Amino acid sequence: MSNKSKNQAESEVKSWGFKHVFTWTDGPNAHYPPHSHRGLTTHLITNGELTITYPKDSSPSKETFGIGDRVDVDAERVHEVWIGEQGCTYVIGE
């Protein structure tokens, strides 16, 4: 688990310029099929790990991120996400 408290992690994401910030937890092995968001989103992982791919890229690959990692997804960029075996908690900024 991250050394940061929930409030510290959310404050950090707000400091990056995101107005809507919240903490989210997914259970083990959750899956988000390909989707996109209207605006830029960021994810600061505070516990567990997630794997992401961008299926519409010319050469899609999967990349796994863990505690302390920041994952930015550009507006309208289609992505697919798998949550690790321990679940994952992350702060989302929109």
N, C-alpha and C. Protein backbone atom coordinates (compact mmCIF):
# COMPACT_ATOMS: atom_id res chain seq x y z
N MET A 1 0.84 -1.18 0.00
CA MET A 1 0.00 0.00 0.00
C MET A 1 0.89 1.25 0.00
N SER A 2 0.39 2.30 -0.62
CA SER A 2 1.12 3.56 -0.71
C SER A 2 1.34 4.16 0.68
N ASN A 3 2.43 4.91 0.80
CA ASN A 3 2.71 5.62 2.05
C ASN A 3 1.80 6.83 2.22
N LYS A 4 1.12 7.24 1.15
CA LYS A 4 0.26 8.42 1.19
C LYS A 4 -1.12 8.06 1.71
N SER A 5 -1.73 8.99 2.45
CA SER A 5 -3.12 8.81 2.86
C SER A 5 -4.01 9.10 1.65
N LYS A 6 -5.27 8.74 1.76
CA LYS A 6 -6.23 9.02 0.69
C LYS A 6 -6.26 10.52 0.39
N ASN A 7 -6.31 11.35 1.43
CA ASN A 7 -6.36 12.80 1.23
C ASN A 7 -5.10 13.32 0.57
N GLN A 8 -3.94 12.79 0.95
CA GLN A 8 -2.68 13.22 0.33
C GLN A 8 -2.65 12.85 -1.15
N ALA A 9 -3.07 11.63 -1.47
CA ALA A 9 -3.07 11.19 -2.86
C ALA A 9 -4.05 12.01 -3.69
N GLU A 10 -5.24 12.28 -3.15
CA GLU A 10 -6.21 13.09 -3.88
C GLU A 10 -5.71 14.52 -4.05
N SER A 11 -5.05 15.07 -3.04
CA SER A 11 -4.48 16.42 -3.16
C SER A 11 -3.40 16.47 -4.23
N GLU A 12 -2.60 15.41 -4.32
CA GLU A 12 -1.56 15.36 -5.34
C GLU A 12 -2.18 15.41 -6.74
N VAL A 13 -3.22 14.61 -6.95
CA VAL A 13 -3.86 14.59 -8.27
C VAL A 13 -4.51 15.95 -8.57
N LYS A 14 -5.11 16.58 -7.57
CA LYS A 14 -5.67 17.93 -7.77
C LYS A 14 -4.58 18.91 -8.17
N SER A 15 -3.38 18.75 -7.60
CA SER A 15 -2.28 19.67 -7.90
C SER A 15 -1.82 19.56 -9.36
N TRP A 16 -2.20 18.47 -10.03
CA TRP A 16 -1.86 18.29 -11.45
C TRP A 16 -2.86 19.02 -12.35
N GLY A 17 -3.87 19.67 -11.75
CA GLY A 17 -4.82 20.45 -12.53
C GLY A 17 -6.16 19.79 -12.78
N PHE A 18 -6.40 18.64 -12.17
CA PHE A 18 -7.68 17.96 -12.36
C PHE A 18 -8.70 18.49 -11.37
N LYS A 19 -9.90 18.80 -11.87
CA LYS A 19 -10.96 19.39 -11.04
C LYS A 19 -11.79 18.32 -10.33
N HIS A 20 -12.11 17.23 -11.02
CA HIS A 20 -12.93 16.17 -10.45
C HIS A 20 -11.99 15.03 -10.05
N VAL A 21 -11.82 14.82 -8.75
CA VAL A 21 -10.86 13.84 -8.23
C VAL A 21 -11.56 12.95 -7.21
N PHE A 22 -11.36 11.64 -7.35
CA PHE A 22 -11.96 10.71 -6.40
C PHE A 22 -11.14 9.42 -6.35
N THR A 23 -11.31 8.66 -5.28
CA THR A 23 -10.62 7.38 -5.11
C THR A 23 -11.58 6.26 -5.46
N TRP A 24 -11.06 5.28 -6.20
CA TRP A 24 -11.88 4.16 -6.68
C TRP A 24 -11.14 2.85 -6.38
N THR A 25 -11.90 1.82 -6.02
CA THR A 25 -11.32 0.49 -5.79
C THR A 25 -12.04 -0.54 -6.65
N ASP A 26 -11.26 -1.34 -7.35
CA ASP A 26 -11.79 -2.47 -8.11
C ASP A 26 -11.38 -3.76 -7.42
N GLY A 27 -12.26 -4.74 -7.46
CA GLY A 27 -11.96 -6.04 -6.90
C GLY A 27 -11.00 -6.83 -7.78
N PRO A 28 -10.51 -7.95 -7.27
CA PRO A 28 -9.57 -8.78 -8.01
C PRO A 28 -10.11 -9.19 -9.38
N ASN A 29 -9.21 -9.12 -10.36
CA ASN A 29 -9.47 -9.60 -11.71
C ASN A 29 -10.63 -8.91 -12.43
N ALA A 30 -10.96 -7.69 -12.01
CA ALA A 30 -11.99 -6.93 -12.73
C ALA A 30 -11.47 -6.61 -14.13
N HIS A 31 -12.40 -6.36 -15.04
CA HIS A 31 -12.04 -6.07 -16.43
C HIS A 31 -12.94 -4.96 -16.97
N TYR A 32 -12.32 -4.00 -17.64
CA TYR A 32 -13.06 -2.96 -18.34
C TYR A 32 -12.84 -3.15 -19.83
N PRO A 33 -13.88 -3.51 -20.58
CA PRO A 33 -13.70 -3.70 -22.02
C PRO A 33 -13.33 -2.38 -22.70
N PRO A 34 -12.92 -2.43 -23.96
CA PRO A 34 -12.50 -1.21 -24.65
C PRO A 34 -13.54 -0.08 -24.53
N HIS A 35 -13.04 1.09 -24.15
CA HIS A 35 -13.89 2.27 -23.97
C HIS A 35 -13.02 3.51 -24.03
N SER A 36 -13.66 4.68 -24.03
CA SER A 36 -12.92 5.94 -24.00
C SER A 36 -13.69 6.93 -23.13
N HIS A 37 -13.05 8.05 -22.84
CA HIS A 37 -13.65 9.12 -22.04
C HIS A 37 -13.57 10.42 -22.83
N ARG A 38 -14.46 11.34 -22.54
CA ARG A 38 -14.49 12.62 -23.26
C ARG A 38 -13.25 13.47 -23.04
N GLY A 39 -12.72 13.42 -21.83
CA GLY A 39 -11.57 14.25 -21.50
C GLY A 39 -10.39 13.43 -21.01
N LEU A 40 -9.25 14.09 -20.85
CA LEU A 40 -8.06 13.46 -20.28
C LEU A 40 -8.40 12.92 -18.90
N THR A 41 -7.95 11.70 -18.61
CA THR A 41 -8.09 11.14 -17.26
C THR A 41 -6.72 10.67 -16.78
N THR A 42 -6.53 10.73 -15.47
CA THR A 42 -5.31 10.21 -14.87
C THR A 42 -5.68 9.24 -13.77
N HIS A 43 -4.76 8.34 -13.47
CA HIS A 43 -4.96 7.33 -12.43
C HIS A 43 -3.66 7.24 -11.63
N LEU A 44 -3.72 7.53 -10.34
CA LEU A 44 -2.57 7.39 -9.44
C LEU A 44 -2.84 6.15 -8.59
N ILE A 45 -2.05 5.12 -8.80
CA ILE A 45 -2.29 3.84 -8.12
C ILE A 45 -1.75 3.89 -6.70
N THR A 46 -2.62 3.57 -5.74
CA THR A 46 -2.23 3.59 -4.33
C THR A 46 -2.16 2.18 -3.72
N ASN A 47 -2.74 1.20 -4.41
CA ASN A 47 -2.68 -0.18 -3.93
C ASN A 47 -2.98 -1.12 -5.09
N GLY A 48 -2.25 -2.22 -5.19
CA GLY A 48 -2.50 -3.20 -6.24
C GLY A 48 -1.88 -2.81 -7.57
N GLU A 49 -2.43 -3.38 -8.64
CA GLU A 49 -1.91 -3.08 -9.96
C GLU A 49 -3.00 -3.22 -11.01
N LEU A 50 -2.75 -2.56 -12.15
CA LEU A 50 -3.63 -2.70 -13.30
C LEU A 50 -2.79 -2.82 -14.56
N THR A 51 -3.39 -3.45 -15.57
CA THR A 51 -2.76 -3.61 -16.87
C THR A 51 -3.65 -2.92 -17.89
N ILE A 52 -3.03 -2.16 -18.78
CA ILE A 52 -3.79 -1.39 -19.77
C ILE A 52 -3.23 -1.62 -21.16
N THR A 53 -4.13 -1.57 -22.14
CA THR A 53 -3.73 -1.61 -23.54
C THR A 53 -4.59 -0.61 -24.31
N TYR A 54 -4.11 -0.23 -25.46
CA TYR A 54 -4.82 0.70 -26.34
C TYR A 54 -5.07 -0.05 -27.65
N PRO A 55 -6.21 -0.76 -27.75
CA PRO A 55 -6.43 -1.70 -28.85
C PRO A 55 -6.47 -1.08 -30.24
N LYS A 56 -6.71 0.21 -30.35
CA LYS A 56 -6.76 0.83 -31.67
C LYS A 56 -5.41 1.38 -32.12
N ASP A 57 -4.38 1.28 -31.27
CA ASP A 57 -3.03 1.70 -31.66
C ASP A 57 -2.53 0.79 -32.78
N SER A 58 -1.57 1.26 -33.54
CA SER A 58 -1.05 0.47 -34.66
C SER A 58 -0.39 -0.84 -34.20
N SER A 59 0.26 -0.82 -33.05
CA SER A 59 0.88 -2.04 -32.48
C SER A 59 0.54 -2.12 -31.00
N PRO A 60 -0.69 -2.52 -30.66
CA PRO A 60 -1.09 -2.54 -29.24
C PRO A 60 -0.23 -3.48 -28.41
N SER A 61 0.08 -3.05 -27.19
CA SER A 61 0.77 -3.90 -26.23
C SER A 61 0.16 -3.64 -24.87
N LYS A 62 0.35 -4.57 -23.95
CA LYS A 62 -0.16 -4.42 -22.59
C LYS A 62 0.97 -3.94 -21.70
N GLU A 63 0.65 -3.02 -20.79
CA GLU A 63 1.63 -2.53 -19.82
C GLU A 63 0.99 -2.56 -18.43
N THR A 64 1.74 -3.06 -17.46
CA THR A 64 1.25 -3.18 -16.09
C THR A 64 1.86 -2.10 -15.22
N PHE A 65 1.01 -1.49 -14.38
CA PHE A 65 1.42 -0.41 -13.48
C PHE A 65 1.06 -0.78 -12.05
N GLY A 66 1.88 -0.31 -11.10
CA GLY A 66 1.66 -0.62 -9.69
C GLY A 66 1.69 0.62 -8.81
N ILE A 67 1.82 0.38 -7.53
CA ILE A 67 1.75 1.44 -6.51
C ILE A 67 2.70 2.59 -6.85
N GLY A 68 2.13 3.80 -6.82
CA GLY A 68 2.91 5.01 -7.07
C GLY A 68 2.95 5.43 -8.52
N ASP A 69 2.50 4.55 -9.42
CA ASP A 69 2.52 4.89 -10.84
C ASP A 69 1.35 5.80 -11.21
N ARG A 70 1.62 6.67 -12.17
CA ARG A 70 0.60 7.55 -12.74
C ARG A 70 0.34 7.08 -14.17
N VAL A 71 -0.94 6.88 -14.49
CA VAL A 71 -1.33 6.45 -15.83
C VAL A 71 -2.28 7.50 -16.39
N ASP A 72 -1.86 8.18 -17.46
CA ASP A 72 -2.71 9.16 -18.13
C ASP A 72 -3.29 8.55 -19.39
N VAL A 73 -4.57 8.83 -19.63
CA VAL A 73 -5.24 8.37 -20.85
C VAL A 73 -5.82 9.60 -21.54
N ASP A 74 -5.36 9.85 -22.76
CA ASP A 74 -5.82 11.01 -23.51
C ASP A 74 -7.31 10.93 -23.81
N ALA A 75 -7.94 12.08 -23.98
CA ALA A 75 -9.35 12.16 -24.34
C ALA A 75 -9.62 11.35 -25.60
N GLU A 76 -10.71 10.61 -25.59
CA GLU A 76 -11.18 9.82 -26.74
C GLU A 76 -10.25 8.66 -27.13
N ARG A 77 -9.20 8.39 -26.36
CA ARG A 77 -8.30 7.27 -26.69
C ARG A 77 -8.91 5.98 -26.14
N VAL A 78 -9.17 5.04 -27.01
CA VAL A 78 -9.78 3.78 -26.61
C VAL A 78 -8.76 2.95 -25.84
N HIS A 79 -9.17 2.45 -24.67
CA HIS A 79 -8.29 1.65 -23.83
C HIS A 79 -9.09 0.52 -23.18
N GLU A 80 -8.36 -0.53 -22.79
CA GLU A 80 -8.93 -1.69 -22.12
C GLU A 80 -8.08 -1.96 -20.89
N VAL A 81 -8.73 -2.32 -19.78
CA VAL A 81 -8.02 -2.44 -18.50
C VAL A 81 -8.37 -3.76 -17.81
N TRP A 82 -7.33 -4.38 -17.26
CA TRP A 82 -7.47 -5.57 -16.41
C TRP A 82 -6.89 -5.24 -15.04
N ILE A 83 -7.61 -5.60 -14.00
CA ILE A 83 -7.17 -5.37 -12.62
C ILE A 83 -6.45 -6.63 -12.12
N GLY A 84 -5.41 -6.44 -11.32
CA GLY A 84 -4.61 -7.55 -10.82
C GLY A 84 -5.34 -8.44 -9.83
N GLU A 85 -4.68 -9.51 -9.46
CA GLU A 85 -5.27 -10.53 -8.57
C GLU A 85 -5.57 -10.01 -7.17
N GLN A 86 -4.91 -8.92 -6.76
CA GLN A 86 -5.14 -8.36 -5.42
C GLN A 86 -6.13 -7.20 -5.46
N GLY A 87 -6.70 -6.90 -6.62
CA GLY A 87 -7.54 -5.73 -6.76
C GLY A 87 -6.66 -4.50 -6.97
N CYS A 88 -7.28 -3.35 -7.05
CA CYS A 88 -6.51 -2.12 -7.28
C CYS A 88 -7.30 -0.92 -6.77
N THR A 89 -6.60 -0.05 -6.05
CA THR A 89 -7.17 1.22 -5.61
C THR A 89 -6.37 2.33 -6.27
N TYR A 90 -7.07 3.32 -6.80
CA TYR A 90 -6.39 4.41 -7.48
C TYR A 90 -7.20 5.68 -7.38
N VAL A 91 -6.50 6.80 -7.45
CA VAL A 91 -7.14 8.11 -7.47
C VAL A 91 -7.31 8.49 -8.93
N ILE A 92 -8.53 8.83 -9.29
CA ILE A 92 -8.85 9.23 -10.66
C ILE A 92 -8.98 10.75 -10.70
N GLY A 93 -8.39 11.34 -11.71
CA GLY A 93 -8.56 12.76 -11.98
C GLY A 93 -9.16 12.95 -13.35
N GLU A 94 -10.20 13.78 -13.40
CA GLU A 94 -10.86 14.07 -14.68
C GLU A 94 -10.93 15.56 -14.89
